[in-house]
Amino acid sequence: METVAIVGVGLIGGSFGLALKQAGFRGRVLGVSSERTIAAALARGAIDEAAGFEQAAARADLLYLAGPIGAILDLIPRLDALVRPGALVTDAGSTKRLICTAGRGLRRALFLGGHPMAGKERRGVEEADAELFRGRPYLLTPSAAEDLETPAAREFVEWIRRIGAEPRLLTPEEHDRIVALSSHLPQMLSTALASALSGCAEAGTVARAAGPGLHDMTRLALSGWDIWQDILETNRDEIVRALEMFEQRLQGLKQQLAGGLPEEEFRRGAQFARQIRNSG
């Protein structure tokens, strides 16, 4: 792998470029983004040079699509006329079913769906961090197991390990069901909590009295609607099911509290919180 092209050099794309370089990648990293973003990415050292989309697709051994889901879905059908035969195309989208269906249509290049489980509430290449992926799962959704046996895919997976991430395999359907619970549900709960508190009569006093707990619980509510609109649209069914599951649990907690103290719920919650922190 000598040339990597990152389409969408924001937080994730910029961090991927920085992480590759820190891990020892000595090839060229091309960036496709707005003029302002490209200038910032060059200044940060996340990319080596700017390129247009068509030029980048034609030169890249690895084409890394790191834009919003809608943009990824728009770009994939254009790739067969542009990419080098045998190139690897991957993405960093937060949902996988529609993206992987589109990727299976490529003929001149192999598509390997991906989703690094890393991020921040702040976006942009200015927030990019070479350590962003370290210790984090990197979910891969191949169309078939043999896709991972190609030289390009094996090399890409090795670079995922070199940047400190942990490759984990799922089908696109499994991915969207799991991330609805592990990522999308927490976002919805954080948003709902912040929105509910903003509408209460004591909102101003609550904000001034907020401690670390409320700061932690509302951190995800800072995430941008422009990103989440695509996620909600492409994983609506699984997110609704996750919310229904939580709604039932919350109703049960309310009933327990009305009749006593929910000690067992606290124990169960603490046990899973420890499991999350101990999972490797």
C-alpha atoms as a PDB file:
ATOM      1  CA  MET A   1       0.000   0.000   0.000  1.00  0.00           C
ATOM      2  CA  GLU A   2       1.751   3.108  -1.246  1.00  0.00           C
ATOM      3  CA  THR A   3      -1.032   5.674  -1.681  1.00  0.00           C
ATOM      4  CA  VAL A   4      -3.964   6.302   0.654  1.00  0.00           C
ATOM      5  CA  ALA A   5      -6.704   8.758  -0.270  1.00  0.00           C
ATOM      6  CA  ILE A   6      -8.931  10.069   2.513  1.00  0.00           C
ATOM      7  CA  VAL A   7     -12.223  11.507   1.297  1.00  0.00           C
ATOM      8  CA  GLY A   8     -13.510  13.731   4.077  1.00  0.00           C
ATOM      9  CA  VAL A   9     -10.549  14.873   6.179  1.00  0.00           C
ATOM     10  CA  GLY A  10     -12.458  15.750   9.327  1.00  0.00           C
ATOM     11  CA  LEU A  11     -12.110  14.294  12.810  1.00  0.00           C
ATOM     12  CA  ILE A  12     -12.117  10.634  11.731  1.00  0.00           C
ATOM     13  CA  GLY A  13     -10.386  11.036   8.379  1.00  0.00           C
ATOM     14  CA  GLY A  14      -7.775  13.398   9.803  1.00  0.00           C
ATOM     15  CA  SER A  15      -7.157  11.119  12.769  1.00  0.00           C
ATOM     16  CA  PHE A  16      -6.730   8.160  10.409  1.00  0.00           C
ATOM     17  CA  GLY A  17      -4.093  10.051   8.441  1.00  0.00           C
ATOM     18  CA  LEU A  18      -2.241  11.096  11.600  1.00  0.00           C
ATOM     19  CA  ALA A  19      -2.478   7.582  13.037  1.00  0.00           C
ATOM     20  CA  LEU A  20      -1.097   5.994   9.862  1.00  0.00           C
ATOM     21  CA  LYS A  21       1.897   8.326   9.852  1.00  0.00           C
ATOM     22  CA  GLN A  22       2.560   7.804  13.554  1.00  0.00           C
ATOM     23  CA  ALA A  23       2.407   4.026  13.000  1.00  0.00           C
ATOM     24  CA  GLY A  24       5.098   4.192  10.325  1.00  0.00           C
ATOM     25  CA  PHE A  25       3.276   4.573   7.014  1.00  0.00           C
ATOM     26  CA  ARG A  26       5.767   5.995   4.527  1.00  0.00           C
ATOM     27  CA  GLY A  27       3.564   6.326   1.451  1.00  0.00           C
ATOM     28  CA  ARG A  28       1.553   9.325   0.266  1.00  0.00           C
ATOM     29  CA  VAL A  29      -1.663  10.374   1.963  1.00  0.00           C
ATOM     30  CA  LEU A  30      -4.012  12.351  -0.285  1.00  0.00           C
ATOM     31  CA  GLY A  31      -6.863  14.440   1.073  1.00  0.00           C
ATOM     32  CA  VAL A  32     -10.199  15.271  -0.552  1.00  0.00           C
ATOM     33  CA  SER A  33     -12.146  17.956   1.304  1.00  0.00           C
ATOM     34  CA  SER A  34     -13.047  21.621   1.248  1.00  0.00           C
ATOM     35  CA  GLU A  35     -10.276  24.147   0.676  1.00  0.00           C
ATOM     36  CA  ARG A  36     -10.369  25.292   4.307  1.00  0.00           C
ATOM     37  CA  THR A  37     -10.244  21.739   5.640  1.00  0.00           C
ATOM     38  CA  ILE A  38      -7.397  20.785   3.310  1.00  0.00           C
ATOM     39  CA  ALA A  39      -5.342  23.752   4.518  1.00  0.00           C
ATOM     40  CA  ALA A  40      -5.886  22.728   8.132  1.00  0.00           C
ATOM     41  CA  ALA A  41      -5.134  19.055   7.354  1.00  0.00           C
ATOM     42  CA  LEU A  42      -1.862  19.977   5.639  1.00  0.00           C
ATOM     43  CA  ALA A  43      -0.899  22.190   8.578  1.00  0.00           C
ATOM     44  CA  ARG A  44      -1.630  19.345  11.012  1.00  0.00           C
ATOM     45  CA  GLY A  45       0.320  16.844   8.905  1.00  0.00           C
ATOM     46  CA  ALA A  46      -2.721  14.596   8.493  1.00  0.00           C
ATOM     47  CA  ILE A  47      -2.237  14.497   4.700  1.00  0.00           C
ATOM     48  CA  ASP A  48       0.629  15.077   2.288  1.00  0.00           C
ATOM     49  CA  GLU A  49      -1.240  16.723  -0.559  1.00  0.00           C
ATOM     50  CA  ALA A  50      -4.655  17.786  -1.755  1.00  0.00           C
ATOM     51  CA  ALA A  51      -6.443  16.022  -4.601  1.00  0.00           C
ATOM     52  CA  GLY A  52      -9.760  16.110  -6.365  1.00  0.00           C
ATOM     53  CA  PHE A  53     -12.036  13.123  -5.883  1.00  0.00           C
ATOM     54  CA  GLU A  54     -11.476  11.662  -9.352  1.00  0.00           C
ATOM     55  CA  GLN A  55      -7.699  12.087  -9.136  1.00  0.00           C
ATOM     56  CA  ALA A  56      -7.589  10.563  -5.653  1.00  0.00           C
ATOM     57  CA  ALA A  57      -9.712   7.571  -6.667  1.00  0.00           C
ATOM     58  CA  ALA A  58      -7.485   6.908  -9.672  1.00  0.00           C
ATOM     59  CA  ARG A  59      -4.250   7.032  -7.638  1.00  0.00           C
ATOM     60  CA  ALA A  60      -5.218   5.315  -4.401  1.00  0.00           C
ATOM     61  CA  ASP A  61      -4.377   1.792  -3.317  1.00  0.00           C
ATOM     62  CA  LEU A  62      -6.693   2.429  -0.368  1.00  0.00           C
ATOM     63  CA  LEU A  63      -9.644   4.802  -0.693  1.00  0.00           C
ATOM     64  CA  TYR A  64     -10.959   5.769   2.755  1.00  0.00           C
ATOM     65  CA  LEU A  65     -14.452   7.331   2.669  1.00  0.00           C
ATOM     66  CA  ALA A  66     -14.815   9.297   5.892  1.00  0.00           C
ATOM     67  CA  GLY A  67     -17.610  11.738   5.097  1.00  0.00           C
ATOM     68  CA  PRO A  68     -21.251  11.634   6.256  1.00  0.00           C
ATOM     69  CA  ILE A  69     -23.315   8.559   5.395  1.00  0.00           C
ATOM     70  CA  GLY A  70     -25.263  10.363   2.684  1.00  0.00           C
ATOM     71  CA  ALA A  71     -22.055  11.505   0.995  1.00  0.00           C
ATOM     72  CA  ILE A  72     -20.612   7.974   1.120  1.00  0.00           C
ATOM     73  CA  LEU A  73     -23.754   6.574  -0.490  1.00  0.00           C
ATOM     74  CA  ASP A  74     -23.527   9.218  -3.226  1.00  0.00           C
ATOM     75  CA  LEU A  75     -19.855   8.490  -3.958  1.00  0.00           C
ATOM     76  CA  ILE A  76     -19.794   4.686  -4.102  1.00  0.00           C
ATOM     77  CA  PRO A  77     -21.727   4.326  -7.411  1.00  0.00           C
ATOM     78  CA  ARG A  78     -19.217   6.657  -9.093  1.00  0.00           C
ATOM     79  CA  LEU A  79     -16.179   4.613  -8.153  1.00  0.00           C
ATOM     80  CA  ASP A  80     -16.161   1.817 -10.744  1.00  0.00           C
ATOM     81  CA  ALA A  81     -15.324   4.292 -13.488  1.00  0.00           C
ATOM     82  CA  LEU A  82     -12.518   5.848 -11.429  1.00  0.00           C
ATOM     83  CA  VAL A  83     -10.701   3.414  -9.148  1.00  0.00           C
ATOM     84  CA  ARG A  84      -7.570   1.438  -9.906  1.00  0.00           C
ATOM     85  CA  PRO A  85      -8.318  -2.255 -10.524  1.00  0.00           C
ATOM     86  CA  GLY A  86      -7.612  -4.166  -7.332  1.00  0.00           C
ATOM     87  CA  ALA A  87      -7.831  -1.127  -5.081  1.00  0.00           C
ATOM     88  CA  LEU A  88      -9.474  -1.431  -1.661  1.00  0.00           C
ATOM     89  CA  VAL A  89     -12.351   0.894  -0.832  1.00  0.00           C
ATOM     90  CA  THR A  90     -13.452   1.235   2.773  1.00  0.00           C
ATOM     91  CA  ASP A  91     -15.547   3.666   4.762  1.00  0.00           C
ATOM     92  CA  ALA A  92     -16.016   4.939   8.294  1.00  0.00           C
ATOM     93  CA  GLY A  93     -19.800   5.312   8.261  1.00  0.00           C
ATOM     94  CA  SER A  94     -21.815   4.776  11.418  1.00  0.00           C
ATOM     95  CA  THR A  95     -24.376   2.475   9.756  1.00  0.00           C
ATOM     96  CA  LYS A  96     -23.559  -0.342   7.395  1.00  0.00           C
ATOM     97  CA  ARG A  97     -26.537  -2.027   5.705  1.00  0.00           C
ATOM     98  CA  LEU A  98     -27.127   0.511   2.927  1.00  0.00           C
ATOM     99  CA  ILE A  99     -23.426   1.320   2.506  1.00  0.00           C
ATOM    100  CA  CYS A 100     -22.397  -2.337   2.179  1.00  0.00           C
ATOM    101  CA  THR A 101     -25.232  -3.026  -0.267  1.00  0.00           C
ATOM    102  CA  ALA A 102     -23.906  -0.189  -2.419  1.00  0.00           C
ATOM    103  CA  GLY A 103     -20.320  -1.406  -2.001  1.00  0.00           C
ATOM    104  CA  ARG A 104     -21.199  -4.898  -3.239  1.00  0.00           C
ATOM    105  CA  GLY A 105     -21.962  -3.312  -6.603  1.00  0.00           C
ATOM    106  CA  LEU A 106     -18.311  -2.418  -7.223  1.00  0.00           C
ATOM    107  CA  ARG A 107     -16.549  -4.559  -9.806  1.00  0.00           C
ATOM    108  CA  ARG A 108     -13.053  -3.085 -10.270  1.00  0.00           C
ATOM    109  CA  ALA A 109     -12.332  -2.686  -6.545  1.00  0.00           C
ATOM    110  CA  LEU A 110     -13.029  -4.580  -3.352  1.00  0.00           C
ATOM    111  CA  PHE A 111     -15.277  -2.866  -0.826  1.00  0.00           C
ATOM    112  CA  LEU A 112     -14.825  -3.532   2.894  1.00  0.00           C
ATOM    113  CA  GLY A 113     -17.249  -1.796   5.226  1.00  0.00           C
ATOM    114  CA  GLY A 114     -15.713  -0.294   8.351  1.00  0.00           C
ATOM    115  CA  HIS A 115     -16.661   1.696  11.426  1.00  0.00           C
ATOM    116  CA  PRO A 116     -14.083   2.845  13.996  1.00  0.00           C
ATOM    117  CA  MET A 117     -15.826   3.089  17.362  1.00  0.00           C
ATOM    118  CA  ALA A 118     -14.083   6.310  18.281  1.00  0.00           C
ATOM    119  CA  GLY A 119     -14.921   9.983  18.196  1.00  0.00           C
ATOM    120  CA  LYS A 120     -15.467  13.222  20.046  1.00  0.00           C
ATOM    121  CA  GLU A 121     -18.357  15.613  20.416  1.00  0.00           C
ATOM    122  CA  ARG A 122     -16.217  18.222  18.628  1.00  0.00           C
ATOM    123  CA  ARG A 123     -15.649  17.740  14.928  1.00  0.00           C
ATOM    124  CA  GLY A 124     -13.196  18.880  12.295  1.00  0.00           C
ATOM    125  CA  VAL A 125      -9.598  18.119  11.438  1.00  0.00           C
ATOM    126  CA  GLU A 126      -8.524  20.571  14.135  1.00  0.00           C
ATOM    127  CA  GLU A 127      -9.690  17.950  16.655  1.00  0.00           C
ATOM    128  CA  ALA A 128      -7.927  15.065  14.873  1.00  0.00           C
ATOM    129  CA  ASP A 129      -5.765  12.868  17.096  1.00  0.00           C
ATOM    130  CA  ALA A 130      -3.343  10.103  16.140  1.00  0.00           C
ATOM    131  CA  GLU A 131      -4.353   8.251  19.320  1.00  0.00           C
ATOM    132  CA  LEU A 132      -8.101   8.432  18.650  1.00  0.00           C
ATOM    133  CA  PHE A 133      -8.403   4.765  17.665  1.00  0.00           C
ATOM    134  CA  ARG A 134      -6.071   3.269  20.256  1.00  0.00           C
ATOM    135  CA  GLY A 135      -7.767   0.616  22.365  1.00  0.00           C
ATOM    136  CA  ARG A 136     -11.049   1.087  20.488  1.00  0.00           C
ATOM    137  CA  PRO A 137     -12.977  -1.523  18.496  1.00  0.00           C
ATOM    138  CA  TYR A 138     -12.749  -1.122  14.729  1.00  0.00           C
ATOM    139  CA  LEU A 139     -15.798  -2.887  13.299  1.00  0.00           C
ATOM    140  CA  LEU A 140     -15.420  -4.496   9.871  1.00  0.00           C
ATOM    141  CA  THR A 141     -18.351  -5.792   7.821  1.00  0.00           C
ATOM    142  CA  PRO A 142     -17.068  -7.850   4.856  1.00  0.00           C
ATOM    143  CA  SER A 143     -19.597  -9.111   2.332  1.00  0.00           C
ATOM    144  CA  ALA A 144     -17.928 -12.532   2.491  1.00  0.00           C
ATOM    145  CA  ALA A 145     -15.244 -14.065   4.702  1.00  0.00           C
ATOM    146  CA  GLU A 146     -12.924 -14.538   1.738  1.00  0.00           C
ATOM    147  CA  ASP A 147     -12.840 -10.771   1.182  1.00  0.00           C
ATOM    148  CA  LEU A 148     -10.530 -10.523   4.176  1.00  0.00           C
ATOM    149  CA  GLU A 149      -8.068 -12.943   2.564  1.00  0.00           C
ATOM    150  CA  THR A 150      -7.109 -10.611  -0.275  1.00  0.00           C
ATOM    151  CA  PRO A 151      -3.660  -9.003   0.054  1.00  0.00           C
ATOM    152  CA  ALA A 152      -5.172  -5.490   0.154  1.00  0.00           C
ATOM    153  CA  ALA A 153      -7.620  -6.391   2.932  1.00  0.00           C
ATOM    154  CA  ARG A 154      -4.972  -8.205   4.983  1.00  0.00           C
ATOM    155  CA  GLU A 155      -2.671  -5.200   4.777  1.00  0.00           C
ATOM    156  CA  PHE A 156      -5.470  -2.818   5.768  1.00  0.00           C
ATOM    157  CA  VAL A 157      -6.381  -4.939   8.796  1.00  0.00           C
ATOM    158  CA  GLU A 158      -2.721  -4.975   9.795  1.00  0.00           C
ATOM    159  CA  TRP A 159      -2.657  -1.162   9.674  1.00  0.00           C
ATOM    160  CA  ILE A 160      -5.776  -1.074  11.844  1.00  0.00           C
ATOM    161  CA  ARG A 161      -3.830  -3.047  14.434  1.00  0.00           C
ATOM    162  CA  ARG A 162      -0.766  -0.834  14.047  1.00  0.00           C
ATOM    163  CA  ILE A 163      -2.778   2.310  14.838  1.00  0.00           C
ATOM    164  CA  GLY A 164      -3.849   0.631  18.063  1.00  0.00           C
ATOM    165  CA  ALA A 165      -7.411  -0.352  17.190  1.00  0.00           C
ATOM    166  CA  GLU A 166      -8.975  -3.788  17.647  1.00  0.00           C
ATOM    167  CA  PRO A 167     -10.534  -5.265  14.461  1.00  0.00           C
ATOM    168  CA  ARG A 168     -13.834  -7.030  15.066  1.00  0.00           C
ATOM    169  CA  LEU A 169     -15.994  -8.715  12.419  1.00  0.00           C
ATOM    170  CA  LEU A 170     -19.762  -8.372  12.079  1.00  0.00           C
ATOM    171  CA  THR A 171     -22.290  -8.713   9.305  1.00  0.00           C
ATOM    172  CA  PRO A 172     -23.826  -5.373   8.236  1.00  0.00           C
ATOM    173  CA  GLU A 173     -27.087  -6.443   9.893  1.00  0.00           C
ATOM    174  CA  GLU A 174     -25.364  -7.378  13.151  1.00  0.00           C
ATOM    175  CA  HIS A 175     -23.443  -4.109  13.061  1.00  0.00           C
ATOM    176  CA  ASP A 176     -26.528  -1.929  12.779  1.00  0.00           C
ATOM    177  CA  ARG A 177     -28.342  -3.843  15.518  1.00  0.00           C
ATOM    178  CA  ILE A 178     -25.369  -3.690  17.907  1.00  0.00           C
ATOM    179  CA  VAL A 179     -24.462  -0.040  17.355  1.00  0.00           C
ATOM    180  CA  ALA A 180     -28.108   0.924  17.797  1.00  0.00           C
ATOM    181  CA  LEU A 181     -27.656  -0.315  21.369  1.00  0.00           C
ATOM    182  CA  SER A 182     -24.028   0.651  22.025  1.00  0.00           C
ATOM    183  CA  SER A 183     -23.868   4.031  20.261  1.00  0.00           C
ATOM    184  CA  HIS A 184     -27.162   5.320  18.899  1.00  0.00           C
ATOM    185  CA  LEU A 185     -29.222   4.642  22.035  1.00  0.00           C
ATOM    186  CA  PRO A 186     -26.762   6.539  24.293  1.00  0.00           C
ATOM    187  CA  GLN A 187     -26.936   9.474  21.869  1.00  0.00           C
ATOM    188  CA  MET A 188     -30.733   9.506  21.932  1.00  0.00           C
ATOM    189  CA  LEU A 189     -30.830   9.292  25.730  1.00  0.00           C
ATOM    190  CA  SER A 190     -28.317  12.108  26.128  1.00  0.00           C
ATOM    191  CA  THR A 191     -30.256  14.264  23.687  1.00  0.00           C
ATOM    192  CA  ALA A 192     -33.571  13.473  25.376  1.00  0.00           C
ATOM    193  CA  LEU A 193     -32.176  14.256  28.838  1.00  0.00           C
ATOM    194  CA  ALA A 194     -30.737  17.602  27.772  1.00  0.00           C
ATOM    195  CA  SER A 195     -33.897  18.496  25.851  1.00  0.00           C
ATOM    196  CA  ALA A 196     -36.163  17.551  28.782  1.00  0.00           C
ATOM    197  CA  LEU A 197     -34.135  19.593  31.257  1.00  0.00           C
ATOM    198  CA  SER A 198     -34.056  22.571  28.895  1.00  0.00           C
ATOM    199  CA  GLY A 199     -37.835  22.662  29.018  1.00  0.00           C
ATOM    200  CA  CYS A 200     -38.286  22.469  32.778  1.00  0.00           C
ATOM    201  CA  ALA A 201     -39.075  25.571  34.833  1.00  0.00           C
ATOM    202  CA  GLU A 202     -35.771  25.315  36.714  1.00  0.00           C
ATOM    203  CA  ALA A 203     -33.585  24.906  33.604  1.00  0.00           C
ATOM    204  CA  GLY A 204     -31.370  27.905  34.373  1.00  0.00           C
ATOM    205  CA  THR A 205     -30.803  26.867  37.972  1.00  0.00           C
ATOM    206  CA  VAL A 206     -30.129  23.262  36.943  1.00  0.00           C
ATOM    207  CA  ALA A 207     -27.508  24.417  34.428  1.00  0.00           C
ATOM    208  CA  ARG A 208     -25.737  26.555  37.006  1.00  0.00           C
ATOM    209  CA  ALA A 209     -25.828  23.764  39.593  1.00  0.00           C
ATOM    210  CA  ALA A 210     -24.691  20.997  37.217  1.00  0.00           C
ATOM    211  CA  GLY A 211     -21.885  18.757  38.402  1.00  0.00           C
ATOM    212  CA  PRO A 212     -19.752  16.159  36.598  1.00  0.00           C
ATOM    213  CA  GLY A 213     -22.619  13.679  36.382  1.00  0.00           C
ATOM    214  CA  LEU A 214     -24.836  15.934  34.295  1.00  0.00           C
ATOM    215  CA  HIS A 215     -21.856  17.080  32.216  1.00  0.00           C
ATOM    216  CA  ASP A 216     -21.036  13.429  31.438  1.00  0.00           C
ATOM    217  CA  MET A 217     -24.634  12.484  30.718  1.00  0.00           C
ATOM    218  CA  THR A 218     -25.214  15.381  28.315  1.00  0.00           C
ATOM    219  CA  ARG A 219     -21.861  15.289  26.503  1.00  0.00           C
ATOM    220  CA  LEU A 220     -23.309  13.391  23.541  1.00  0.00           C
ATOM    221  CA  ALA A 221     -26.100  15.947  23.219  1.00  0.00           C
ATOM    222  CA  LEU A 222     -23.455  18.295  21.804  1.00  0.00           C
ATOM    223  CA  SER A 223     -23.214  16.114  18.678  1.00  0.00           C
ATOM    224  CA  GLY A 224     -24.282  17.733  15.422  1.00  0.00           C
ATOM    225  CA  TRP A 225     -27.662  17.111  13.794  1.00  0.00           C
ATOM    226  CA  ASP A 226     -26.069  17.097  10.331  1.00  0.00           C
ATOM    227  CA  ILE A 227     -24.258  13.862  11.241  1.00  0.00           C
ATOM    228  CA  TRP A 228     -27.084  12.255  13.184  1.00  0.00           C
ATOM    229  CA  GLN A 229     -29.748  12.939  10.575  1.00  0.00           C
ATOM    230  CA  ASP A 230     -28.166  10.354   8.256  1.00  0.00           C
ATOM    231  CA  ILE A 231     -27.640   7.860  11.081  1.00  0.00           C
ATOM    232  CA  LEU A 232     -31.260   8.058  12.208  1.00  0.00           C
ATOM    233  CA  GLU A 233     -32.504   7.796   8.639  1.00  0.00           C
ATOM    234  CA  THR A 234     -30.416   4.712   7.779  1.00  0.00           C
ATOM    235  CA  ASN A 235     -30.871   2.836  11.082  1.00  0.00           C
ATOM    236  CA  ARG A 236     -34.330   4.010  12.099  1.00  0.00           C
ATOM    237  CA  ASP A 237     -35.804   0.528  12.685  1.00  0.00           C
ATOM    238  CA  GLU A 238     -33.023  -0.687  14.985  1.00  0.00           C
ATOM    239  CA  ILE A 239     -32.931   2.586  16.935  1.00  0.00           C
ATOM    240  CA  VAL A 240     -36.702   2.438  17.502  1.00  0.00           C
ATOM    241  CA  ARG A 241     -36.335  -1.117  18.851  1.00  0.00           C
ATOM    242  CA  ALA A 242     -33.526  -0.004  21.159  1.00  0.00           C
ATOM    243  CA  LEU A 243     -35.630   2.886  22.466  1.00  0.00           C
ATOM    244  CA  GLU A 244     -38.581   0.550  23.063  1.00  0.00           C
ATOM    245  CA  MET A 245     -36.351  -1.781  25.085  1.00  0.00           C
ATOM    246  CA  PHE A 246     -35.083   1.116  27.181  1.00  0.00           C
ATOM    247  CA  GLU A 247     -38.572   2.582  27.556  1.00  0.00           C
ATOM    248  CA  GLN A 248     -39.771  -0.688  29.089  1.00  0.00           C
ATOM    249  CA  ARG A 249     -36.800  -0.741  31.457  1.00  0.00           C
ATOM    250  CA  LEU A 250     -37.342   2.873  32.484  1.00  0.00           C
ATOM    251  CA  GLN A 251     -41.014   2.202  33.147  1.00  0.00           C
ATOM    252  CA  GLY A 252     -40.031  -0.775  35.315  1.00  0.00           C
ATOM    253  CA  LEU A 253     -37.566   1.377  37.253  1.00  0.00           C
ATOM    254  CA  LYS A 254     -40.266   3.987  37.819  1.00  0.00           C
ATOM    255  CA  GLN A 255     -42.620   1.334  39.195  1.00  0.00           C
ATOM    256  CA  GLN A 256     -39.906  -0.077  41.466  1.00  0.00           C
ATOM    257  CA  LEU A 257     -39.135   3.365  42.834  1.00  0.00           C
ATOM    258  CA  ALA A 258     -42.805   4.083  43.481  1.00  0.00           C
ATOM    259  CA  GLY A 259     -43.015   0.988  45.676  1.00  0.00           C
ATOM    260  CA  GLY A 260     -39.577   0.993  47.304  1.00  0.00           C
ATOM    261  CA  LEU A 261     -35.906   1.305  46.378  1.00  0.00           C
ATOM    262  CA  PRO A 262     -34.497  -0.294  43.169  1.00  0.00           C
ATOM    263  CA  GLU A 263     -31.350  -1.770  44.730  1.00  0.00           C
ATOM    264  CA  GLU A 264     -31.200  -4.710  42.331  1.00  0.00           C
ATOM    265  CA  GLU A 265     -31.387  -2.371  39.337  1.00  0.00           C
ATOM    266  CA  PHE A 266     -28.391  -0.455  40.682  1.00  0.00           C
ATOM    267  CA  ARG A 267     -26.445  -3.688  41.163  1.00  0.00           C
ATOM    268  CA  ARG A 268     -27.258  -4.919  37.663  1.00  0.00           C
ATOM    269  CA  GLY A 269     -26.345  -1.571  36.130  1.00  0.00           C
ATOM    270  CA  ALA A 270     -23.043  -1.371  37.994  1.00  0.00           C
ATOM    271  CA  GLN A 271     -22.156  -4.917  36.926  1.00  0.00           C
ATOM    272  CA  PHE A 272     -22.624  -4.084  33.234  1.00  0.00           C
ATOM    273  CA  ALA A 273     -20.766  -0.779  33.609  1.00  0.00           C
ATOM    274  CA  ARG A 274     -17.799  -2.727  34.963  1.00  0.00           C
ATOM    275  CA  GLN A 275     -18.116  -5.220  32.105  1.00  0.00           C
ATOM    276  CA  ILE A 276     -17.895  -2.392  29.566  1.00  0.00           C
ATOM    277  CA  ARG A 277     -14.756  -1.023  31.208  1.00  0.00           C
ATOM    278  CA  ASN A 278     -13.129  -4.450  31.482  1.00  0.00           C
ATOM    279  CA  SER A 279     -13.915  -5.635  27.956  1.00  0.00           C
ATOM    280  CA  GLY A 280     -10.906  -6.008  25.729  1.00  0.00           C
END
